[in-house]
PDB file of N, CA and C in Angstrom:
ATOM      1  N   MET A   1      89.651 112.943  72.512  1.00  0.00           N
ATOM      2  CA  MET A   1      90.852 112.144  73.131  1.00  0.00           C
ATOM      3  C   MET A   1      92.396 112.876  72.427  1.00  0.00           C
ATOM      4  N   VAL A   2      93.188 113.100  72.926  1.00  0.00           N
ATOM      5  CA  VAL A   2      94.576 113.078  72.488  1.00  0.00           C
ATOM      6  C   VAL A   2      95.341 111.860  72.452  1.00  0.00           C
ATOM      7  N   LYS A   3      96.086 111.411  71.585  1.00  0.00           N
ATOM      8  CA  LYS A   3      96.988 109.848  71.228  1.00  0.00           C
ATOM      9  C   LYS A   3      98.061 110.146  71.760  1.00  0.00           C
ATOM     10  N   VAL A   4      98.654 109.668  72.130  1.00  0.00           N
ATOM     11  CA  VAL A   4     100.231 110.322  72.798  1.00  0.00           C
ATOM     12  C   VAL A   4     100.800 108.731  72.257  1.00  0.00           C
ATOM     13  N   ASP A   5     101.894 108.800  71.212  1.00  0.00           N
ATOM     14  CA  ASP A   5     102.708 107.482  70.949  1.00  0.00           C
ATOM     15  C   ASP A   5     103.947 107.661  71.790  1.00  0.00           C
ATOM     16  N   ILE A   6     103.484 106.533  72.859  1.00  0.00           N
ATOM     17  CA  ILE A   6     104.670 106.697  74.089  1.00  0.00           C
ATOM     18  C   ILE A   6     106.394 105.924  73.387  1.00  0.00           C
ATOM     19  N   ASP A   7     106.321 105.364  72.018  1.00  0.00           N
ATOM     20  CA  ASP A   7     107.054 105.299  71.420  1.00  0.00           C
ATOM     21  C   ASP A   7     108.099 105.814  71.390  1.00  0.00           C
ATOM     22  N   LEU A   8     108.030 107.420  71.782  1.00  0.00           N
ATOM     23  CA  LEU A   8     108.190 108.498  71.144  1.00  0.00           C
ATOM     24  C   LEU A   8     109.073 109.276  72.415  1.00  0.00           C
ATOM     25  N   LEU A   9     108.590 108.963  73.528  1.00  0.00           N
ATOM     26  CA  LEU A   9     108.633 109.803  74.625  1.00  0.00           C
ATOM     27  C   LEU A   9     110.696 108.906  75.359  1.00  0.00           C
ATOM     28  N   SER A  10     110.715 109.852  76.054  1.00  0.00           N
ATOM     29  CA  SER A  10     112.079 109.495  77.047  1.00  0.00           C
ATOM     30  C   SER A  10     111.885 109.071  77.566  1.00  0.00           C
ATOM     31  N   GLU A  11     112.998 108.130  78.608  1.00  0.00           N
ATOM     32  CA  GLU A  11     112.720 107.504  79.971  1.00  0.00           C
ATOM     33  C   GLU A  11     111.715 108.896  80.780  1.00  0.00           C
ATOM     34  N   GLU A  12     112.882 109.943  81.135  1.00  0.00           N
ATOM     35  CA  GLU A  12     112.021 110.538  82.080  1.00  0.00           C
ATOM     36  C   GLU A  12     110.823 110.864  81.247  1.00  0.00           C
ATOM     37  N   GLU A  13     110.341 111.304  80.502  1.00  0.00           N
ATOM     38  CA  GLU A  13     108.987 111.680  80.335  1.00  0.00           C
ATOM     39  C   GLU A  13     107.772 110.610  80.125  1.00  0.00           C
ATOM     40  N   LEU A  14     108.717 108.931  79.956  1.00  0.00           N
ATOM     41  CA  LEU A  14     107.556 108.014  80.497  1.00  0.00           C
ATOM     42  C   LEU A  14     107.122 108.090  81.926  1.00  0.00           C
ATOM     43  N   ILE A  15     108.175 108.432  82.908  1.00  0.00           N
ATOM     44  CA  ILE A  15     108.242 108.069  84.171  1.00  0.00           C
ATOM     45  C   ILE A  15     107.396 109.170  84.374  1.00  0.00           C
ATOM     46  N   GLU A  16     107.436 110.498  84.051  1.00  0.00           N
ATOM     47  CA  GLU A  16     106.657 111.627  84.561  1.00  0.00           C
ATOM     48  C   GLU A  16     105.262 111.312  84.076  1.00  0.00           C
ATOM     49  N   LEU A  17     104.957 110.586  83.035  1.00  0.00           N
ATOM     50  CA  LEU A  17     103.630 110.514  82.732  1.00  0.00           C
ATOM     51  C   LEU A  17     103.057 109.310  83.356  1.00  0.00           C
ATOM     52  N   ASN A  18     103.450 108.258  83.572  1.00  0.00           N
ATOM     53  CA  ASN A  18     103.736 107.397  84.862  1.00  0.00           C
ATOM     54  C   ASN A  18     103.248 108.153  86.390  1.00  0.00           C
ATOM     55  N   GLN A  19     103.841 108.823  86.337  1.00  0.00           N
ATOM     56  CA  GLN A  19     103.672 109.549  87.574  1.00  0.00           C
ATOM     57  C   GLN A  19     102.167 110.363  87.871  1.00  0.00           C
ATOM     58  N   LYS A  20     101.692 110.722  86.362  1.00  0.00           N
ATOM     59  CA  LYS A  20     100.277 111.143  86.921  1.00  0.00           C
ATOM     60  C   LYS A  20      99.347 110.728  86.352  1.00  0.00           C
ATOM     61  N   VAL A  21      99.506 109.278  85.652  1.00  0.00           N
ATOM     62  CA  VAL A  21      98.218 108.552  85.575  1.00  0.00           C
ATOM     63  C   VAL A  21      98.407 107.907  87.180  1.00  0.00           C
ATOM     64  N   ILE A  22      99.294 107.401  87.746  1.00  0.00           N
ATOM     65  CA  ILE A  22      99.379 106.699  88.982  1.00  0.00           C
ATOM     66  C   ILE A  22      98.221 107.806  90.066  1.00  0.00           C
ATOM     67  N   ALA A  23      99.001 109.483  89.892  1.00  0.00           N
ATOM     68  CA  ALA A  23      98.154 109.963  91.042  1.00  0.00           C
ATOM     69  C   ALA A  23      96.857 110.241  90.325  1.00  0.00           C
ATOM     70  N   ARG A  24      96.821 110.154  88.804  1.00  0.00           N
ATOM     71  CA  ARG A  24      94.872 110.510  88.616  1.00  0.00           C
ATOM     72  C   ARG A  24      94.268 109.525  89.141  1.00  0.00           C
ATOM     73  N   LEU A  25      94.691 107.824  88.909  1.00  0.00           N
ATOM     74  CA  LEU A  25      93.658 106.532  89.242  1.00  0.00           C
ATOM     75  C   LEU A  25      93.737 106.813  90.590  1.00  0.00           C
ATOM     76  N   ARG A  26      94.821 107.113  91.778  1.00  0.00           N
ATOM     77  CA  ARG A  26      94.358 107.787  92.794  1.00  0.00           C
ATOM     78  C   ARG A  26      93.614 108.730  93.187  1.00  0.00           C
ATOM     79  N   PHE A  27      92.701 109.808  92.820  1.00  0.00           N
ATOM     80  CA  PHE A  27      91.889 110.841  92.838  1.00  0.00           C
ATOM     81  C   PHE A  27      90.924 109.764  92.809  1.00  0.00           C
ATOM     82  N   LEU A  28      90.688 108.955  91.431  1.00  0.00           N
ATOM     83  CA  LEU A  28      89.196 108.466  90.908  1.00  0.00           C
ATOM     84  C   LEU A  28      88.858 107.513  92.094  1.00  0.00           C
ATOM     85  N   ARG A  29      90.192 106.691  92.393  1.00  0.00           N
ATOM     86  CA  ARG A  29      90.172 105.661  93.725  1.00  0.00           C
ATOM     87  C   ARG A  29      89.186 106.310  95.293  1.00  0.00           C
ATOM     88  N   GLU A  30      89.837 107.402  95.268  1.00  0.00           N
ATOM     89  CA  GLU A  30      89.037 108.507  96.354  1.00  0.00           C
ATOM     90  C   GLU A  30      87.746 108.838  96.480  1.00  0.00           C
ATOM     91  N   MET A  31      87.881 109.298  95.288  1.00  0.00           N
ATOM     92  CA  MET A  31      86.538 110.042  95.329  1.00  0.00           C
ATOM     93  C   MET A  31      85.449 108.833  94.937  1.00  0.00           C
ATOM     94  N   ARG A  32      85.811 107.726  94.765  1.00  0.00           N
ATOM     95  CA  ARG A  32      84.858 106.572  94.565  1.00  0.00           C
ATOM     96  C   ARG A  32      84.520 106.499  96.452  1.00  0.00           C
ATOM     97  N   SER A  33      85.452 105.791  96.903  1.00  0.00           N
ATOM     98  CA  SER A  33      85.353 105.633  98.313  1.00  0.00           C
ATOM     99  C   SER A  33      84.564 107.028  99.059  1.00  0.00           C
ATOM    100  N   HIS A  34      85.052 108.119  98.598  1.00  0.00           N
ATOM    101  CA  HIS A  34      83.959 109.620  99.160  1.00  0.00           C
ATOM    102  C   HIS A  34      82.827 109.603  99.138  1.00  0.00           C
ATOM    103  N   VAL A  35      82.425 108.776  98.049  1.00  0.00           N
ATOM    104  CA  VAL A  35      81.142 109.325  97.511  1.00  0.00           C
ATOM    105  C   VAL A  35      80.197 107.768  98.313  1.00  0.00           C
ATOM    106  N   GLN A  36      80.662 106.485  98.639  1.00  0.00           N
ATOM    107  CA  GLN A  36      80.349 105.378  98.973  1.00  0.00           C
ATOM    108  C   GLN A  36      80.012 105.556 100.499  1.00  0.00           C
ATOM    109  N   MET A  37      81.086 106.939 101.105  1.00  0.00           N
ATOM    110  CA  MET A  37      81.176 107.512 102.542  1.00  0.00           C
ATOM    111  C   MET A  37      79.979 107.926 103.156  1.00  0.00           C
ATOM    112  N   LEU A  38      79.822 108.485 102.311  1.00  0.00           N
ATOM    113  CA  LEU A  38      78.315 109.482 102.209  1.00  0.00           C
ATOM    114  C   LEU A  38      77.184 108.825 102.151  1.00  0.00           C
ATOM    115  N   ASP A  39      77.190 107.731 102.086  1.00  0.00           N
ATOM    116  CA  ASP A  39      76.024 106.599 102.026  1.00  0.00           C
ATOM    117  C   ASP A  39      75.814 106.311 103.574  1.00  0.00           C
ATOM    118  N   TYR A  40      76.572 106.834 104.744  1.00  0.00           N
ATOM    119  CA  TYR A  40      76.884 106.276 106.163  1.00  0.00           C
ATOM    120  C   TYR A  40      76.988 107.512 106.683  1.00  0.00           C
ATOM    121  N   ARG A  41      76.578 107.710 107.983  1.00  0.00           N
ATOM    122  CA  ARG A  41      76.673 108.919 109.273  1.00  0.00           C
ATOM    123  C   ARG A  41      77.398 108.407 110.192  1.00  0.00           C
ATOM    124  N   ILE A  42      78.139 109.148 110.768  1.00  0.00           N
ATOM    125  CA  ILE A  42      78.595 109.481 112.081  1.00  0.00           C
ATOM    126  C   ILE A  42      77.847 108.854 113.249  1.00  0.00           C
ATOM    127  N   GLY A  43      77.717 108.028 113.764  1.00  0.00           N
ATOM    128  CA  GLY A  43      77.175 107.056 114.908  1.00  0.00           C
ATOM    129  C   GLY A  43      75.958 106.304 114.332  1.00  0.00           C
ATOM    130  N   GLU A  44      75.880 106.311 112.588  1.00  0.00           N
ATOM    131  CA  GLU A  44      75.486 105.069 112.730  1.00  0.00           C
ATOM    132  C   GLU A  44      75.572 103.617 112.644  1.00  0.00           C
ATOM    133  N   ARG A  45      74.611 102.477 112.734  1.00  0.00           N
ATOM    134  CA  ARG A  45      75.230 101.162 113.237  1.00  0.00           C
ATOM    135  C   ARG A  45      75.657 100.561 111.320  1.00  0.00           C
ATOM    136  N   VAL A  46      76.480  99.881 111.767  1.00  0.00           N
ATOM    137  CA  VAL A  46      76.709  99.534 110.514  1.00  0.00           C
ATOM    138  C   VAL A  46      77.128  97.657 110.522  1.00  0.00           C
ATOM    139  N   GLY A  47      77.798  97.163 109.754  1.00  0.00           N
ATOM    140  CA  GLY A  47      78.159  95.631 109.830  1.00  0.00           C
ATOM    141  C   GLY A  47      79.078  95.871 108.263  1.00  0.00           C
ATOM    142  N   PHE A  48      80.252  94.485 108.197  1.00  0.00           N
ATOM    143  CA  PHE A  48      80.458  94.143 107.636  1.00  0.00           C
ATOM    144  C   PHE A  48      80.926  92.685 107.965  1.00  0.00           C
ATOM    145  N   ARG A  49      81.675  91.622 107.127  1.00  0.00           N
ATOM    146  CA  ARG A  49      81.905  91.038 106.968  1.00  0.00           C
ATOM    147  C   ARG A  49      84.216  90.555 106.965  1.00  0.00           C
ATOM    148  N   PRO A  50      84.618  90.395 107.576  1.00  0.00           N
ATOM    149  CA  PRO A  50      86.345  90.391 107.410  1.00  0.00           C
ATOM    150  C   PRO A  50      86.118  88.861 106.852  1.00  0.00           C
ATOM    151  N   PRO A  51      87.373  88.495 106.275  1.00  0.00           N
ATOM    152  CA  PRO A  51      87.886  87.550 105.518  1.00  0.00           C
ATOM    153  C   PRO A  51      87.741  86.581 106.955  1.00  0.00           C
ATOM    154  N   GLY A  52      87.349  85.385 106.255  1.00  0.00           N
ATOM    155  CA  GLY A  52      87.509  84.553 107.610  1.00  0.00           C
ATOM    156  C   GLY A  52      87.122  84.533 109.110  1.00  0.00           C
ATOM    157  N   GLN A  53      86.173  85.361 109.455  1.00  0.00           N
ATOM    158  CA  GLN A  53      85.695  85.855 110.282  1.00  0.00           C
ATOM    159  C   GLN A  53      84.341  86.034 110.810  1.00  0.00           C
ATOM    160  N   PRO A  54      83.329  85.593 111.415  1.00  0.00           N
ATOM    161  CA  PRO A  54      82.461  86.247 111.749  1.00  0.00           C
ATOM    162  C   PRO A  54      82.043  87.946 111.120  1.00  0.00           C
ATOM    163  N   GLU A  55      80.746  88.222 110.937  1.00  0.00           N
ATOM    164  CA  GLU A  55      80.059  89.346 110.907  1.00  0.00           C
ATOM    165  C   GLU A  55      80.361  89.995 111.830  1.00  0.00           C
ATOM    166  N   VAL A  56      80.868  91.219 111.612  1.00  0.00           N
ATOM    167  CA  VAL A  56      80.915  91.866 112.434  1.00  0.00           C
ATOM    168  C   VAL A  56      80.090  93.375 112.578  1.00  0.00           C
ATOM    169  N   HIS A  57      79.141  93.764 114.016  1.00  0.00           N
ATOM    170  CA  HIS A  57      78.156  94.834 113.763  1.00  0.00           C
ATOM    171  C   HIS A  57      79.070  95.765 114.591  1.00  0.00           C
ATOM    172  N   GLY A  58      78.790  97.441 114.208  1.00  0.00           N
ATOM    173  CA  GLY A  58      79.249  97.920 115.614  1.00  0.00           C
ATOM    174  C   GLY A  58      78.737  99.761 115.019  1.00  0.00           C
ATOM    175  N   THR A  59      79.720 100.638 115.929  1.00  0.00           N
ATOM    176  CA  THR A  59      79.341 102.142 115.117  1.00  0.00           C
ATOM    177  C   THR A  59      80.119 102.747 114.354  1.00  0.00           C
ATOM    178  N   LEU A  60      79.850 103.046 112.922  1.00  0.00           N
ATOM    179  CA  LEU A  60      80.379 104.263 112.396  1.00  0.00           C
ATOM    180  C   LEU A  60      81.007 105.369 113.024  1.00  0.00           C
ATOM    181  N   THR A  61      82.275 105.383 113.203  1.00  0.00           N
ATOM    182  CA  THR A  61      83.142 106.925 114.551  1.00  0.00           C
ATOM    183  C   THR A  61      83.751 107.826 113.753  1.00  0.00           C
ATOM    184  N   ARG A  62      84.322 107.343 112.299  1.00  0.00           N
ATOM    185  CA  ARG A  62      84.847 108.301 111.940  1.00  0.00           C
ATOM    186  C   ARG A  62      85.007 108.139 110.495  1.00  0.00           C
ATOM    187  N   TYR A  63      85.419 109.256 109.438  1.00  0.00           N
ATOM    188  CA  TYR A  63      85.692 108.838 108.262  1.00  0.00           C
ATOM    189  C   TYR A  63      87.251 109.487 107.819  1.00  0.00           C
ATOM    190  N   ASN A  64      87.956 108.630 106.936  1.00  0.00           N
ATOM    191  CA  ASN A  64      89.189 108.379 107.186  1.00  0.00           C
ATOM    192  C   ASN A  64      89.532 108.473 105.389  1.00  0.00           C
ATOM    193  N   LYS A  65      90.543 109.009 105.204  1.00  0.00           N
ATOM    194  CA  LYS A  65      90.469 109.231 103.757  1.00  0.00           C
ATOM    195  C   LYS A  65      89.906 108.286 102.665  1.00  0.00           C
ATOM    196  N   LYS A  66      90.437 106.599 102.772  1.00  0.00           N
ATOM    197  CA  LYS A  66      90.096 105.998 101.894  1.00  0.00           C
ATOM    198  C   LYS A  66      89.052 104.903 102.543  1.00  0.00           C
ATOM    199  N   SER A  67      88.923 104.980 104.289  1.00  0.00           N
ATOM    200  CA  SER A  67      87.838 104.135 104.656  1.00  0.00           C
ATOM    201  C   SER A  67      87.481 104.755 105.951  1.00  0.00           C
ATOM    202  N   VAL A  68      86.419 104.370 106.933  1.00  0.00           N
ATOM    203  CA  VAL A  68      86.199 105.070 107.663  1.00  0.00           C
ATOM    204  C   VAL A  68      86.236 103.840 108.945  1.00  0.00           C
ATOM    205  N   THR A  69      86.485 104.688 109.874  1.00  0.00           N
ATOM    206  CA  THR A  69      86.778 103.781 111.290  1.00  0.00           C
ATOM    207  C   THR A  69      85.523 102.971 112.353  1.00  0.00           C
ATOM    208  N   VAL A  70      85.067 101.730 112.566  1.00  0.00           N
ATOM    209  CA  VAL A  70      83.946 101.762 113.336  1.00  0.00           C
ATOM    210  C   VAL A  70      84.625 100.532 114.128  1.00  0.00           C
ATOM    211  N   ILE A  71      84.182 100.948 115.493  1.00  0.00           N
ATOM    212  CA  ILE A  71      84.009 100.310 116.593  1.00  0.00           C
ATOM    213  C   ILE A  71      82.880  99.494 116.846  1.00  0.00           C
ATOM    214  N   SER A  72      83.567  98.266 116.983  1.00  0.00           N
ATOM    215  CA  SER A  72      82.404  97.301 117.014  1.00  0.00           C
ATOM    216  C   SER A  72      81.774  97.076 118.221  1.00  0.00           C
ATOM    217  N   ASP A  73      81.119  95.695 118.619  1.00  0.00           N
ATOM    218  CA  ASP A  73      80.206  95.977 119.753  1.00  0.00           C
ATOM    219  C   ASP A  73      81.152  95.209 120.832  1.00  0.00           C
ATOM    220  N   SER A  74      81.782  94.331 120.710  1.00  0.00           N
ATOM    221  CA  SER A  74      83.092  94.394 121.695  1.00  0.00           C
ATOM    222  C   SER A  74      84.192  95.212 121.989  1.00  0.00           C
ATOM    223  N   GLY A  75      84.427  96.173 121.591  1.00  0.00           N
ATOM    224  CA  GLY A  75      84.875  97.649 121.368  1.00  0.00           C
ATOM    225  C   GLY A  75      86.141  97.402 120.545  1.00  0.00           C
ATOM    226  N   GLN A  76      86.262  96.345 119.818  1.00  0.00           N
ATOM    227  CA  GLN A  76      87.421  96.441 118.896  1.00  0.00           C
ATOM    228  C   GLN A  76      87.127  97.876 117.749  1.00  0.00           C
ATOM    229  N   GLN A  77      88.482  98.348 117.065  1.00  0.00           N
ATOM    230  CA  GLN A  77      88.259  99.326 116.401  1.00  0.00           C
ATOM    231  C   GLN A  77      88.647  98.687 114.832  1.00  0.00           C
ATOM    232  N   TRP A  78      88.296  98.675 113.909  1.00  0.00           N
ATOM    233  CA  TRP A  78      88.526  98.357 112.645  1.00  0.00           C
ATOM    234  C   TRP A  78      88.036  99.731 111.603  1.00  0.00           C
ATOM    235  N   ARG A  79      89.288  99.773 110.587  1.00  0.00           N
ATOM    236  CA  ARG A  79      89.246 100.612 109.350  1.00  0.00           C
ATOM    237  C   ARG A  79      88.711  99.724 108.621  1.00  0.00           C
ATOM    238  N   VAL A  80      87.847 100.196 107.853  1.00  0.00           N
ATOM    239  CA  VAL A  80      86.644  99.707 106.622  1.00  0.00           C
ATOM    240  C   VAL A  80      86.549 100.241 105.990  1.00  0.00           C
ATOM    241  N   HIS A  81      86.844  99.752 104.174  1.00  0.00           N
ATOM    242  CA  HIS A  81      86.328 100.158 103.353  1.00  0.00           C
ATOM    243  C   HIS A  81      85.270 100.230 102.819  1.00  0.00           C
ATOM    244  N   PRO A  82      84.085 101.545 102.400  1.00  0.00           N
ATOM    245  CA  PRO A  82      83.083 101.605 102.921  1.00  0.00           C
ATOM    246  C   PRO A  82      82.245 100.784 102.336  1.00  0.00           C
ATOM    247  N   GLY A  83      82.876 100.346 101.207  1.00  0.00           N
ATOM    248  CA  GLY A  83      82.280  99.991 100.167  1.00  0.00           C
ATOM    249  C   GLY A  83      82.040  98.606 100.414  1.00  0.00           C
ATOM    250  N   LEU A  84      82.371  97.794 101.342  1.00  0.00           N
ATOM    251  CA  LEU A  84      82.541  96.628 102.586  1.00  0.00           C
ATOM    252  C   LEU A  84      80.994  96.661 103.325  1.00  0.00           C
ATOM    253  N   LEU A  85      80.909  97.724 103.526  1.00  0.00           N
ATOM    254  CA  LEU A  85      79.487  97.965 105.077  1.00  0.00           C
ATOM    255  C   LEU A  85      78.071  97.464 104.346  1.00  0.00           C
ATOM    256  N   PHE A  86      77.285  97.719 105.194  1.00  0.00           N
ATOM    257  CA  PHE A  86      75.812  97.592 105.036  1.00  0.00           C
ATOM    258  C   PHE A  86      75.314  98.121 106.671  1.00  0.00           C
ATOM    259  N   LYS A  87      74.082  98.672 106.526  1.00  0.00           N
ATOM    260  CA  LYS A  87      73.461  99.211 107.399  1.00  0.00           C
ATOM    261  C   LYS A  87      72.992  98.246 108.513  1.00  0.00           C
ATOM    262  N   VAL A  88      72.790  98.696 109.632  1.00  0.00           N
ATOM    263  CA  VAL A  88      72.464  97.450 110.060  1.00  0.00           C
ATOM    264  C   VAL A  88      71.386  98.510 110.944  1.00  0.00           C
ATOM    265  N   ASN A  89      70.202  97.859 111.376  1.00  0.00           N
ATOM    266  CA  ASN A  89      68.841  98.296 111.850  1.00  0.00           C
ATOM    267  C   ASN A  89      68.404  98.293 113.109  1.00  0.00           C
ATOM    268  N   ALA A  90      68.755  97.253 113.730  1.00  0.00           N
ATOM    269  CA  ALA A  90      68.481  97.107 114.842  1.00  0.00           C
ATOM    270  C   ALA A  90      69.621  97.719 115.716  1.00  0.00           C
ATOM    271  N   ALA A  91      69.085  98.793 116.694  1.00  0.00           N
ATOM    272  CA  ALA A  91      69.690  99.304 118.054  1.00  0.00           C
ATOM    273  C   ALA A  91      69.955  98.676 119.088  1.00  0.00           C
ATOM    274  N   ARG A  92      71.590  98.431 119.668  1.00  0.00           N
ATOM    275  CA  ARG A  92      71.305  97.300 120.995  1.00  0.00           C
ATOM    276  C   ARG A  92      70.773  98.152 121.988  1.00  0.00           C
ATOM    277  N   PRO A  93      70.143  97.447 122.773  1.00  0.00           N
ATOM    278  CA  PRO A  93      69.592  97.882 124.170  1.00  0.00           C
ATOM    279  C   PRO A  93      70.131  98.988 124.876  1.00  0.00           C
ATOM    280  N   GLU A  94      71.528  98.937 125.304  1.00  0.00           N
ATOM    281  CA  GLU A  94      72.403  99.652 125.749  1.00  0.00           C
ATOM    282  C   GLU A  94      71.973 101.273 125.172  1.00  0.00           C
ATOM    283  N   GLN A  95      71.652 101.252 123.401  1.00  0.00           N
ATOM    284  CA  GLN A  95      71.598 102.520 123.243  1.00  0.00           C
ATOM    285  C   GLN A  95      70.331 103.147 123.266  1.00  0.00           C
ATOM    286  N   ALA A  96      69.251 102.595 123.753  1.00  0.00           N
ATOM    287  CA  ALA A  96      67.850 103.072 123.762  1.00  0.00           C
ATOM    288  C   ALA A  96      68.366 104.177 124.820  1.00  0.00           C
ATOM    289  N   ASN A  97      68.060 105.575 124.339  1.00  0.00           N
ATOM    290  CA  ASN A  97      68.199 106.757 125.307  1.00  0.00           C
ATOM    291  C   ASN A  97      67.032 107.959 125.653  1.00  0.00           C
ATOM    292  N   ASN A  98      65.697 106.608 126.160  1.00  0.00           N
ATOM    293  CA  ASN A  98      64.447 107.826 125.821  1.00  0.00           C
ATOM    294  C   ASN A  98      64.179 108.955 124.723  1.00  0.00           C
ATOM    295  N   GLY A  99      64.531 108.633 123.776  1.00  0.00           N
ATOM    296  CA  GLY A  99      64.108 109.838 122.553  1.00  0.00           C
ATOM    297  C   GLY A  99      65.077 111.265 122.689  1.00  0.00           C
ATOM    298  N   LYS A 100      65.992 111.015 123.398  1.00  0.00           N
ATOM    299  CA  LYS A 100      66.789 112.194 123.784  1.00  0.00           C
ATOM    300  C   LYS A 100      67.449 112.036 122.371  1.00  0.00           C
ATOM    301  N   GLY A 101      67.715 112.030 121.016  1.00  0.00           N
ATOM    302  CA  GLY A 101      68.447 111.951 120.234  1.00  0.00           C
ATOM    303  C   GLY A 101      69.962 111.148 120.081  1.00  0.00           C
ATOM    304  N   PRO A 102      70.303 111.159 119.102  1.00  0.00           N
ATOM    305  CA  PRO A 102      70.904 109.963 118.639  1.00  0.00           C
ATOM    306  C   PRO A 102      72.441 110.072 119.604  1.00  0.00           C
ATOM    307  N   VAL A 103      72.565 108.877 121.024  1.00  0.00           N
ATOM    308  CA  VAL A 103      73.716 108.982 121.586  1.00  0.00           C
ATOM    309  C   VAL A 103      74.288 107.229 121.552  1.00  0.00           C
ATOM    310  N   VAL A 104      75.530 107.291 121.248  1.00  0.00           N
ATOM    311  CA  VAL A 104      76.425 105.539 121.246  1.00  0.00           C
ATOM    312  C   VAL A 104      76.663 105.241 122.608  1.00  0.00           C
ATOM    313  N   VAL A 105      76.751 104.412 122.992  1.00  0.00           N
ATOM    314  CA  VAL A 105      77.310 104.412 124.536  1.00  0.00           C
ATOM    315  C   VAL A 105      78.368 103.261 124.333  1.00  0.00           C
ATOM    316  N   PHE A 106      79.594 103.568 124.273  1.00  0.00           N
ATOM    317  CA  PHE A 106      80.759 102.850 124.321  1.00  0.00           C
ATOM    318  C   PHE A 106      80.964 102.065 125.258  1.00  0.00           C
ATOM    319  N   PRO A 107      81.276 100.786 125.176  1.00  0.00           N
ATOM    320  CA  PRO A 107      82.455 100.260 126.539  1.00  0.00           C
ATOM    321  C   PRO A 107      83.595 100.263 126.724  1.00  0.00           C
ATOM    322  N   ASN A 108      83.712 100.563 127.968  1.00  0.00           N
ATOM    323  CA  ASN A 108      85.127 101.086 128.374  1.00  0.00           C
ATOM    324  C   ASN A 108      85.769  99.865 128.363  1.00  0.00           C
ATOM    325  N   LYS A 109      86.924 100.092 128.647  1.00  0.00           N
ATOM    326  CA  LYS A 109      88.352  99.343 128.454  1.00  0.00           C
ATOM    327  C   LYS A 109      88.158  97.958 129.115  1.00  0.00           C
ATOM    328  N   SER A 110      88.044  98.902 130.444  1.00  0.00           N
ATOM    329  CA  SER A 110      87.833  97.698 131.786  1.00  0.00           C
ATOM    330  C   SER A 110      86.749  96.584 131.301  1.00  0.00           C
ATOM    331  N   GLY A 111      86.010  96.933 130.252  1.00  0.00           N
ATOM    332  CA  GLY A 111      85.214  95.670 129.792  1.00  0.00           C
ATOM    333  C   GLY A 111      83.690  96.262 131.114  1.00  0.00           C
ATOM    334  N   ARG A 112      83.706  97.272 131.681  1.00  0.00           N
ATOM    335  CA  ARG A 112      82.448  97.485 132.250  1.00  0.00           C
ATOM    336  C   ARG A 112      81.226  98.452 131.533  1.00  0.00           C
TER     337      ARG A 112
END
């Protein structure tokens, strides 16, 4: 490991070093999120516990840069860090599709 005596750096060099450290930390955080995302598949049933609210169950619909998008059973869209998710094994009755593969039924906005 290379040791750098930051007391010898100018203000400009310290700012540049700070920017590099922040970029590296962001990269490492994104990589951890990405690895956690790989534990889940699009269309999979998941759950999470938002602070101060009851547990939410829904379907994972999209991978984002640092989070995933989950459509809850009530039709709400949530962006959730993958580290907060857990798998939900019980399928909802309206998701049964007679063995024709993974099909997810989303409620429409009118509630029908």
